[in-house]
N, C-alpha and C. Protein backbone atom coordinates (compact mmCIF):
# COMPACT_ATOMS: atom_id res chain seq x y z
N ARG A 1 103.30 83.35 183.63
CA ARG A 1 102.28 82.28 183.51
C ARG A 1 101.26 82.62 182.42
N GLU A 2 100.86 83.88 182.40
CA GLU A 2 99.88 84.31 181.39
C GLU A 2 100.45 84.17 179.99
N SER A 3 101.70 84.52 179.80
CA SER A 3 102.38 84.40 178.52
C SER A 3 102.47 82.93 178.10
N GLU A 4 102.82 82.08 179.03
CA GLU A 4 102.88 80.63 178.78
C GLU A 4 101.53 80.09 178.37
N LYS A 5 100.50 80.55 179.03
CA LYS A 5 99.13 80.09 178.73
C LYS A 5 98.72 80.51 177.32
N ARG A 6 99.05 81.76 176.94
CA ARG A 6 98.72 82.23 175.60
C ARG A 6 99.49 81.42 174.54
N PHE A 7 100.80 81.20 174.79
CA PHE A 7 101.61 80.43 173.86
C PHE A 7 101.01 79.04 173.65
N ARG A 8 100.70 78.35 174.71
CA ARG A 8 100.15 76.99 174.60
C ARG A 8 98.81 76.98 173.88
N SER A 9 97.99 77.99 174.14
CA SER A 9 96.70 78.07 173.45
C SER A 9 96.88 78.20 171.95
N VAL A 10 97.79 79.07 171.55
CA VAL A 10 98.05 79.30 170.11
C VAL A 10 98.72 78.05 169.52
N ALA A 11 99.74 77.56 170.16
CA ALA A 11 100.50 76.42 169.62
C ALA A 11 99.67 75.14 169.52
N GLU A 12 98.84 74.89 170.52
CA GLU A 12 98.05 73.67 170.51
C GLU A 12 96.95 73.66 169.45
N THR A 13 96.51 74.84 169.04
CA THR A 13 95.44 74.92 168.03
C THR A 13 95.97 75.20 166.64
N ALA A 14 97.30 75.33 166.50
CA ALA A 14 97.89 75.61 165.19
C ALA A 14 97.73 74.43 164.25
N ILE A 15 97.59 74.72 162.98
CA ILE A 15 97.48 73.67 161.95
C ILE A 15 98.86 73.08 161.67
N ALA A 16 99.87 73.94 161.73
CA ALA A 16 101.27 73.48 161.47
C ALA A 16 101.82 72.77 162.69
N SER A 17 102.77 71.89 162.47
CA SER A 17 103.47 71.23 163.57
C SER A 17 104.43 72.25 164.19
N ILE A 18 104.45 72.23 165.50
CA ILE A 18 105.38 73.13 166.22
C ILE A 18 106.16 72.27 167.21
N ALA A 19 107.49 72.40 167.12
CA ALA A 19 108.38 71.72 168.05
C ALA A 19 109.38 72.72 168.59
N VAL A 20 109.65 72.66 169.86
CA VAL A 20 110.70 73.47 170.47
C VAL A 20 111.74 72.50 170.98
N THR A 21 113.02 72.80 170.64
CA THR A 21 114.11 71.93 171.11
C THR A 21 115.08 72.73 171.95
N ASP A 22 115.82 71.99 172.78
CA ASP A 22 116.86 72.64 173.58
C ASP A 22 118.14 72.76 172.73
N SER A 23 119.21 73.19 173.33
CA SER A 23 120.44 73.42 172.59
C SER A 23 121.05 72.15 172.01
N GLN A 24 120.68 70.97 172.51
CA GLN A 24 121.15 69.69 171.97
C GLN A 24 120.21 69.14 170.89
N GLY A 25 119.13 69.86 170.61
CA GLY A 25 118.18 69.39 169.60
C GLY A 25 117.15 68.43 170.14
N LYS A 26 117.07 68.28 171.46
CA LYS A 26 116.08 67.39 172.08
C LYS A 26 114.76 68.13 172.20
N ILE A 27 113.66 67.46 171.90
CA ILE A 27 112.34 68.09 171.89
C ILE A 27 111.89 68.40 173.32
N ALA A 28 111.55 69.70 173.53
CA ALA A 28 111.07 70.16 174.81
C ALA A 28 109.58 70.49 174.74
N TYR A 29 109.07 70.73 173.52
CA TYR A 29 107.63 70.99 173.31
C TYR A 29 107.24 70.38 171.99
N TRP A 30 106.02 69.81 171.94
CA TRP A 30 105.52 69.08 170.76
C TRP A 30 104.01 69.30 170.73
N ASN A 31 103.50 70.00 169.69
CA ASN A 31 102.07 70.28 169.70
C ASN A 31 101.24 69.14 169.10
N LYS A 32 99.91 69.30 169.16
CA LYS A 32 99.00 68.25 168.65
C LYS A 32 99.18 68.01 167.17
N ALA A 33 99.39 69.09 166.39
CA ALA A 33 99.58 68.91 164.95
C ALA A 33 100.83 68.08 164.66
N ALA A 34 101.88 68.25 165.46
CA ALA A 34 103.10 67.45 165.29
C ALA A 34 102.81 65.98 165.59
N GLU A 35 101.96 65.72 166.58
CA GLU A 35 101.59 64.34 166.89
C GLU A 35 100.96 63.69 165.67
N VAL A 36 100.03 64.41 165.04
CA VAL A 36 99.30 63.89 163.88
C VAL A 36 100.27 63.75 162.68
N THR A 37 101.07 64.77 162.43
CA THR A 37 101.97 64.77 161.28
C THR A 37 103.03 63.69 161.34
N PHE A 38 103.69 63.58 162.47
CA PHE A 38 104.82 62.64 162.60
C PHE A 38 104.46 61.29 163.19
N GLY A 39 103.30 61.21 163.88
CA GLY A 39 102.88 59.94 164.44
C GLY A 39 103.42 59.64 165.84
N TYR A 40 104.17 60.55 166.41
CA TYR A 40 104.69 60.38 167.77
C TYR A 40 103.79 61.14 168.73
N SER A 41 103.36 60.51 169.81
CA SER A 41 102.60 61.22 170.83
C SER A 41 103.55 62.18 171.52
N LYS A 42 102.99 63.12 172.27
CA LYS A 42 103.80 64.09 173.01
C LYS A 42 104.77 63.35 173.94
N ALA A 43 104.27 62.33 174.64
CA ALA A 43 105.10 61.57 175.59
C ALA A 43 106.27 60.88 174.85
N GLU A 44 106.03 60.36 173.64
CA GLU A 44 107.08 59.69 172.88
C GLU A 44 108.10 60.70 172.35
N ALA A 45 107.63 61.90 171.97
CA ALA A 45 108.50 62.88 171.33
C ALA A 45 109.39 63.64 172.30
N LEU A 46 108.85 63.96 173.47
CA LEU A 46 109.63 64.77 174.43
C LEU A 46 110.94 64.07 174.79
N GLY A 47 112.04 64.81 174.66
CA GLY A 47 113.36 64.27 174.96
C GLY A 47 114.02 63.58 173.76
N LYS A 48 113.26 63.34 172.71
CA LYS A 48 113.79 62.71 171.51
C LYS A 48 114.43 63.79 170.62
N ALA A 49 115.42 63.44 169.83
CA ALA A 49 116.08 64.39 168.94
C ALA A 49 115.17 64.65 167.73
N LEU A 50 114.99 65.91 167.38
CA LEU A 50 114.16 66.28 166.24
C LEU A 50 114.90 66.07 164.93
N GLY A 51 116.23 66.28 164.92
CA GLY A 51 117.01 66.18 163.68
C GLY A 51 116.78 64.91 162.87
N PRO A 52 116.77 63.72 163.46
CA PRO A 52 116.55 62.51 162.66
C PRO A 52 115.17 62.41 162.03
N MET A 53 114.23 63.24 162.46
CA MET A 53 112.90 63.22 161.86
C MET A 53 112.82 64.08 160.60
N ILE A 54 113.95 64.75 160.28
CA ILE A 54 113.97 65.66 159.15
C ILE A 54 115.22 65.34 158.33
N ARG A 55 115.02 65.17 157.01
CA ARG A 55 116.11 64.85 156.10
C ARG A 55 116.17 65.85 154.97
N ARG A 56 117.32 65.94 154.35
CA ARG A 56 117.47 66.81 153.17
C ARG A 56 116.74 66.22 151.97
N ARG A 57 117.02 64.96 151.71
CA ARG A 57 116.49 64.26 150.54
C ARG A 57 115.98 62.90 150.96
N PRO A 58 115.04 62.33 150.19
CA PRO A 58 114.54 61.00 150.56
C PRO A 58 115.62 59.92 150.68
N ARG A 59 116.60 59.97 149.82
CA ARG A 59 117.64 58.92 149.87
C ARG A 59 118.54 59.02 151.09
N ASP A 60 118.51 60.13 151.80
CA ASP A 60 119.31 60.28 153.01
C ASP A 60 118.74 59.45 154.17
N SER A 61 117.55 58.96 154.02
CA SER A 61 116.86 58.30 155.16
C SER A 61 117.52 57.02 155.60
N ASP A 62 118.29 56.36 154.77
CA ASP A 62 118.90 55.11 155.15
C ASP A 62 120.01 55.29 156.20
N ARG A 63 120.63 56.44 156.20
CA ARG A 63 121.75 56.66 157.13
C ARG A 63 121.26 57.00 158.54
N GLY A 64 120.01 57.48 158.66
CA GLY A 64 119.43 57.74 159.96
C GLY A 64 120.01 58.95 160.69
N GLU A 65 120.72 59.85 160.00
CA GLU A 65 121.36 60.97 160.69
C GLU A 65 120.46 62.19 160.77
N GLY A 66 119.71 62.49 159.79
CA GLY A 66 118.88 63.69 159.78
C GLY A 66 119.70 64.94 159.55
N VAL A 67 119.07 66.08 159.71
CA VAL A 67 119.75 67.35 159.48
C VAL A 67 120.15 67.98 160.82
N ARG A 68 121.09 68.89 160.75
CA ARG A 68 121.54 69.57 161.94
C ARG A 68 120.65 70.80 162.15
N LEU A 69 119.95 70.84 163.25
CA LEU A 69 119.01 71.91 163.52
C LEU A 69 119.47 72.84 164.62
N THR A 70 120.58 72.54 165.25
CA THR A 70 121.03 73.35 166.38
C THR A 70 122.02 74.42 165.92
N GLN A 71 122.62 75.11 166.86
CA GLN A 71 123.48 76.27 166.59
C GLN A 71 124.49 75.95 165.49
N GLY A 72 124.61 76.86 164.56
CA GLY A 72 125.50 76.66 163.43
C GLY A 72 124.84 75.90 162.29
N GLY A 73 123.64 75.39 162.53
CA GLY A 73 122.91 74.69 161.47
C GLY A 73 122.48 75.66 160.39
N GLU A 74 122.42 75.20 159.17
CA GLU A 74 122.12 76.11 158.05
C GLU A 74 120.67 76.49 157.93
N PHE A 75 119.77 75.91 158.71
CA PHE A 75 118.35 76.17 158.55
C PHE A 75 117.80 77.25 159.46
N VAL A 76 118.62 77.73 160.41
CA VAL A 76 118.16 78.75 161.33
C VAL A 76 117.94 80.06 160.59
N GLY A 77 116.75 80.63 160.78
CA GLY A 77 116.44 81.93 160.20
C GLY A 77 115.95 81.91 158.76
N ARG A 78 115.63 80.74 158.25
CA ARG A 78 115.09 80.68 156.90
C ARG A 78 114.18 79.49 156.75
N ALA A 79 113.32 79.54 155.74
CA ALA A 79 112.43 78.41 155.46
C ALA A 79 113.12 77.51 154.43
N ALA A 80 112.92 76.22 154.57
CA ALA A 80 113.52 75.26 153.65
C ALA A 80 112.56 74.12 153.39
N GLU A 81 112.58 73.62 152.16
CA GLU A 81 111.79 72.43 151.82
C GLU A 81 112.68 71.22 152.02
N LEU A 82 112.21 70.32 152.89
CA LEU A 82 112.98 69.13 153.26
C LEU A 82 112.07 67.92 153.24
N VAL A 83 112.51 66.84 153.87
CA VAL A 83 111.74 65.59 153.91
C VAL A 83 111.52 65.21 155.37
N GLY A 84 110.27 64.98 155.75
CA GLY A 84 109.95 64.53 157.11
C GLY A 84 109.92 63.01 157.15
N VAL A 85 110.14 62.47 158.32
CA VAL A 85 110.14 61.01 158.51
C VAL A 85 109.12 60.70 159.62
N LYS A 86 108.04 60.01 159.24
CA LYS A 86 107.02 59.63 160.23
C LYS A 86 107.55 58.51 161.12
N GLN A 87 106.83 58.26 162.18
CA GLN A 87 107.24 57.24 163.15
C GLN A 87 107.49 55.88 162.47
N GLY A 88 106.68 55.50 161.53
CA GLY A 88 106.85 54.21 160.83
C GLY A 88 107.89 54.24 159.73
N GLY A 89 108.54 55.39 159.51
CA GLY A 89 109.58 55.47 158.47
C GLY A 89 109.08 56.07 157.16
N GLU A 90 107.79 56.34 157.06
CA GLU A 90 107.24 56.94 155.83
C GLU A 90 107.80 58.36 155.65
N LEU A 91 108.23 58.64 154.43
CA LEU A 91 108.78 59.96 154.10
C LEU A 91 107.70 60.85 153.50
N PHE A 92 107.77 62.15 153.78
CA PHE A 92 106.79 63.07 153.23
C PHE A 92 107.45 64.46 153.11
N PRO A 93 107.02 65.27 152.11
CA PRO A 93 107.64 66.59 151.93
C PRO A 93 107.18 67.58 153.00
N ILE A 94 108.12 68.39 153.48
CA ILE A 94 107.80 69.40 154.49
C ILE A 94 108.44 70.73 154.15
N GLU A 95 107.90 71.76 154.78
CA GLU A 95 108.56 73.06 154.79
C GLU A 95 108.91 73.35 156.25
N LEU A 96 110.17 73.65 156.52
CA LEU A 96 110.64 73.90 157.87
C LEU A 96 111.04 75.37 158.01
N SER A 97 110.50 76.02 159.03
CA SER A 97 110.93 77.37 159.41
C SER A 97 111.53 77.21 160.82
N LEU A 98 112.76 77.61 160.96
CA LEU A 98 113.46 77.41 162.22
C LEU A 98 114.02 78.73 162.75
N THR A 99 113.75 79.01 164.02
CA THR A 99 114.30 80.19 164.67
C THR A 99 114.97 79.77 165.97
N ASP A 100 115.90 80.61 166.44
CA ASP A 100 116.54 80.31 167.72
C ASP A 100 116.29 81.47 168.66
N TRP A 101 116.32 81.16 169.96
CA TRP A 101 116.06 82.18 171.00
C TRP A 101 116.65 81.71 172.31
N LYS A 102 116.78 82.66 173.24
CA LYS A 102 117.33 82.33 174.55
C LYS A 102 116.34 82.71 175.64
N SER A 103 116.37 81.89 176.70
CA SER A 103 115.54 82.15 177.86
C SER A 103 116.32 81.68 179.09
N ASP A 104 116.49 82.58 180.06
CA ASP A 104 117.22 82.26 181.28
C ASP A 104 118.59 81.66 180.98
N GLY A 105 119.26 82.19 179.97
CA GLY A 105 120.60 81.73 179.65
C GLY A 105 120.64 80.45 178.84
N GLU A 106 119.52 79.83 178.57
CA GLU A 106 119.49 78.59 177.77
C GLU A 106 119.10 78.91 176.33
N HIS A 107 119.64 78.15 175.39
CA HIS A 107 119.38 78.32 173.96
C HIS A 107 118.29 77.34 173.53
N PHE A 108 117.29 77.83 172.77
CA PHE A 108 116.20 76.99 172.28
C PHE A 108 115.99 77.25 170.79
N TYR A 109 115.32 76.29 170.14
CA TYR A 109 115.00 76.41 168.73
C TYR A 109 113.51 76.11 168.56
N SER A 110 112.85 76.97 167.80
CA SER A 110 111.42 76.73 167.50
C SER A 110 111.32 76.35 166.03
N ALA A 111 110.72 75.18 165.80
CA ALA A 111 110.54 74.67 164.43
C ALA A 111 109.05 74.68 164.11
N ILE A 112 108.72 75.34 163.01
CA ILE A 112 107.37 75.28 162.51
C ILE A 112 107.46 74.46 161.23
N ILE A 113 106.72 73.37 161.22
CA ILE A 113 106.83 72.40 160.14
C ILE A 113 105.47 72.24 159.48
N ARG A 114 105.46 72.43 158.18
CA ARG A 114 104.22 72.31 157.42
C ARG A 114 104.34 71.11 156.48
N ASP A 115 103.37 70.19 156.57
CA ASP A 115 103.33 69.02 155.69
C ASP A 115 102.90 69.49 154.29
N LEU A 116 103.71 69.23 153.29
CA LEU A 116 103.43 69.68 151.93
C LEU A 116 102.80 68.60 151.06
N THR A 117 102.40 67.48 151.64
CA THR A 117 101.85 66.38 150.85
C THR A 117 100.65 66.81 150.02
N GLU A 118 99.70 67.46 150.63
CA GLU A 118 98.50 67.90 149.90
C GLU A 118 98.82 68.97 148.87
N ALA A 119 99.70 69.90 149.24
CA ALA A 119 100.07 70.96 148.31
C ALA A 119 100.76 70.38 147.08
N ARG A 120 101.63 69.40 147.28
CA ARG A 120 102.31 68.75 146.15
C ARG A 120 101.31 67.96 145.29
N ALA A 121 100.35 67.31 145.93
CA ALA A 121 99.35 66.57 145.16
C ALA A 121 98.49 67.53 144.35
N ALA A 122 98.12 68.68 144.92
CA ALA A 122 97.34 69.67 144.18
C ALA A 122 98.17 70.24 143.02
N GLN A 123 99.44 70.44 143.27
CA GLN A 123 100.34 70.94 142.22
C GLN A 123 100.43 69.92 141.07
N GLU A 124 100.52 68.65 141.42
CA GLU A 124 100.60 67.59 140.40
C GLU A 124 99.28 67.53 139.61
N ARG A 125 98.15 67.65 140.31
CA ARG A 125 96.85 67.66 139.60
C ARG A 125 96.76 68.85 138.65
N ALA A 126 97.22 70.00 139.07
CA ALA A 126 97.18 71.20 138.21
C ALA A 126 98.09 70.99 136.99
N MET A 127 99.25 70.41 137.20
CA MET A 127 100.15 70.14 136.05
C MET A 127 99.51 69.14 135.08
N ARG A 128 98.84 68.13 135.63
CA ARG A 128 98.16 67.15 134.79
C ARG A 128 97.05 67.81 134.00
N GLN A 129 96.29 68.68 134.64
CA GLN A 129 95.21 69.40 133.94
C GLN A 129 95.77 70.29 132.85
N ASP A 130 96.91 70.94 133.11
CA ASP A 130 97.53 71.78 132.10
C ASP A 130 97.97 70.95 130.90
N ARG A 131 98.53 69.76 131.18
CA ARG A 131 98.94 68.88 130.07
C ARG A 131 97.73 68.43 129.26
N MET A 132 96.65 68.07 129.96
CA MET A 132 95.44 67.66 129.23
C MET A 132 94.86 68.80 128.40
N ALA A 133 94.92 70.02 128.94
CA ALA A 133 94.42 71.19 128.19
C ALA A 133 95.27 71.40 126.94
N ALA A 134 96.59 71.22 127.07
CA ALA A 134 97.48 71.37 125.92
C ALA A 134 97.19 70.32 124.86
N VAL A 135 96.94 69.08 125.30
CA VAL A 135 96.59 68.00 124.34
C VAL A 135 95.25 68.35 123.68
N GLY A 136 94.29 68.85 124.45
CA GLY A 136 93.01 69.24 123.88
C GLY A 136 93.14 70.32 122.83
N GLN A 137 93.99 71.30 123.08
CA GLN A 137 94.23 72.36 122.09
C GLN A 137 94.89 71.81 120.84
N LEU A 138 95.83 70.90 121.02
CA LEU A 138 96.49 70.27 119.88
C LEU A 138 95.49 69.50 119.04
N VAL A 139 94.66 68.71 119.71
CA VAL A 139 93.66 67.91 119.00
C VAL A 139 92.67 68.81 118.30
N ALA A 140 92.27 69.89 118.96
CA ALA A 140 91.31 70.82 118.35
C ALA A 140 91.88 71.44 117.08
N GLY A 141 93.19 71.66 117.07
CA GLY A 141 93.82 72.23 115.87
C GLY A 141 94.03 71.21 114.78
N ILE A 142 94.28 69.97 115.15
CA ILE A 142 94.57 68.94 114.15
C ILE A 142 93.31 68.26 113.64
N ALA A 143 92.31 68.09 114.48
CA ALA A 143 91.11 67.31 114.13
C ALA A 143 90.45 67.74 112.83
N PRO A 144 90.19 69.01 112.60
CA PRO A 144 89.53 69.38 111.32
C PRO A 144 90.35 68.98 110.11
N ASN A 145 91.66 69.19 110.15
CA ASN A 145 92.51 68.82 109.02
C ASN A 145 92.55 67.31 108.83
N PHE A 146 92.65 66.58 109.94
CA PHE A 146 92.67 65.14 109.88
C PHE A 146 91.34 64.62 109.35
N GLY A 147 90.25 65.24 109.79
CA GLY A 147 88.92 64.87 109.30
C GLY A 147 88.80 65.05 107.80
N ASN A 148 89.37 66.13 107.27
CA ASN A 148 89.33 66.38 105.83
C ASN A 148 90.10 65.30 105.06
N ILE A 149 91.25 64.90 105.60
CA ILE A 149 92.05 63.85 104.97
C ILE A 149 91.27 62.55 104.95
N LEU A 150 90.66 62.19 106.09
CA LEU A 150 89.90 60.93 106.15
C LEU A 150 88.68 60.98 105.24
N ALA A 151 88.04 62.14 105.13
CA ALA A 151 86.87 62.27 104.24
C ALA A 151 87.26 61.99 102.79
N ALA A 152 88.45 62.48 102.40
CA ALA A 152 88.93 62.22 101.03
C ALA A 152 89.21 60.75 100.82
N ILE A 153 89.80 60.09 101.81
CA ILE A 153 90.09 58.65 101.70
C ILE A 153 88.78 57.86 101.60
N ILE A 154 87.79 58.20 102.41
CA ILE A 154 86.51 57.50 102.40
C ILE A 154 85.83 57.69 101.05
N LEU A 155 85.76 58.95 100.61
CA LEU A 155 85.10 59.26 99.35
C LEU A 155 85.72 58.50 98.17
N HIS A 156 87.05 58.54 98.08
CA HIS A 156 87.72 57.89 96.96
C HIS A 156 87.63 56.36 97.07
N SER A 157 87.65 55.82 98.26
CA SER A 157 87.51 54.38 98.42
C SER A 157 86.13 53.94 97.96
N GLU A 158 85.09 54.70 98.32
CA GLU A 158 83.74 54.37 97.87
C GLU A 158 83.61 54.49 96.35
N MET A 159 84.27 55.51 95.78
CA MET A 159 84.23 55.67 94.31
C MET A 159 84.90 54.50 93.60
N VAL A 160 86.02 54.05 94.10
CA VAL A 160 86.73 52.93 93.50
C VAL A 160 85.86 51.67 93.58
N LEU A 161 85.24 51.45 94.74
CA LEU A 161 84.40 50.25 94.90
C LEU A 161 83.19 50.27 93.98
N GLY A 162 82.64 51.47 93.72
CA GLY A 162 81.43 51.58 92.90
C GLY A 162 81.70 51.71 91.42
N SER A 163 82.92 52.01 91.02
CA SER A 163 83.19 52.34 89.63
C SER A 163 84.01 51.31 88.88
N PHE A 164 84.70 50.43 89.55
CA PHE A 164 85.63 49.52 88.88
C PHE A 164 85.30 48.08 89.20
N GLU A 165 85.61 47.24 88.20
CA GLU A 165 85.54 45.79 88.41
C GLU A 165 86.84 45.40 89.11
N LEU A 166 86.74 44.91 90.33
CA LEU A 166 87.91 44.57 91.10
C LEU A 166 87.93 43.09 91.42
N SER A 167 89.15 42.57 91.56
CA SER A 167 89.25 41.19 92.00
C SER A 167 88.78 41.14 93.47
N ARG A 168 88.45 39.98 93.93
CA ARG A 168 87.97 39.81 95.30
C ARG A 168 89.04 40.34 96.30
N ARG A 169 90.29 40.05 96.01
CA ARG A 169 91.41 40.47 96.86
C ARG A 169 91.53 41.98 96.90
N ASP A 170 91.45 42.65 95.73
CA ASP A 170 91.55 44.10 95.68
C ASP A 170 90.33 44.76 96.34
N GLU A 171 89.14 44.17 96.15
CA GLU A 171 87.95 44.72 96.80
C GLU A 171 88.07 44.62 98.33
N ASP A 172 88.61 43.52 98.84
CA ASP A 172 88.81 43.36 100.28
C ASP A 172 89.79 44.42 100.80
N ARG A 173 90.82 44.69 100.04
CA ARG A 173 91.82 45.68 100.46
C ARG A 173 91.18 47.10 100.51
N ILE A 174 90.39 47.42 99.49
CA ILE A 174 89.75 48.74 99.48
C ILE A 174 88.73 48.84 100.62
N ARG A 175 88.02 47.75 100.90
CA ARG A 175 87.05 47.78 102.01
C ARG A 175 87.79 47.94 103.36
N THR A 176 88.96 47.33 103.48
CA THR A 176 89.77 47.51 104.71
C THR A 176 90.20 48.98 104.85
N ILE A 177 90.62 49.60 103.74
CA ILE A 177 91.00 51.02 103.77
C ILE A 177 89.78 51.86 104.18
N LEU A 178 88.63 51.59 103.58
CA LEU A 178 87.41 52.31 103.90
C LEU A 178 87.01 52.14 105.36
N LYS A 179 87.04 50.91 105.85
CA LYS A 179 86.67 50.62 107.22
C LYS A 179 87.59 51.34 108.21
N GLN A 180 88.90 51.30 107.98
CA GLN A 180 89.86 51.96 108.87
C GLN A 180 89.74 53.49 108.83
N ALA A 181 89.47 54.04 107.62
CA ALA A 181 89.28 55.48 107.52
C ALA A 181 88.03 55.93 108.26
N GLU A 182 86.94 55.15 108.16
CA GLU A 182 85.71 55.46 108.90
C GLU A 182 85.96 55.35 110.40
N ARG A 183 86.69 54.35 110.78
CA ARG A 183 87.02 54.20 112.20
C ARG A 183 87.85 55.38 112.69
N GLY A 184 88.81 55.82 111.91
CA GLY A 184 89.63 56.98 112.26
C GLY A 184 88.79 58.26 112.33
N ALA A 185 87.83 58.38 111.46
CA ALA A 185 86.96 59.59 111.47
C ALA A 185 86.14 59.59 112.74
């Protein structure tokens, strides 16, 4: 009883989703984090198969089969990145750690499931920041040279306008060149 009490205390306060299934893959334990993550209350989850709530890839969701989590399943004893399926059908990235154990001659599986949605979003933000930093470095390297080119265009356009008698059409063209070079600068 004391061991059971300690287990429930730890499992109920865990941040990760914890599910225990019997040898048929039916949920025998479902913690509060699992309720939040998957959207099924403990009462709804108990007795339900865990496998259909977990998919290999997003496109597998239409078949409704899920992954095999029971004996002989490939996920026992290792962590894997998979796809979770919320109660409403929404897909989200997960990391699954699955272990098996026996008690009183019965086979059980403990699944620790971590929602990777925030981690993936943070990873995407970091990648975006890296890309912006690379663009900034590129611009920093090009800008002075580009500025020198535009300065020469502006200077020579002003010289042509001030030094030559031009037709109205040619003067408009040179002013357009000058205006666009100033805009570019």
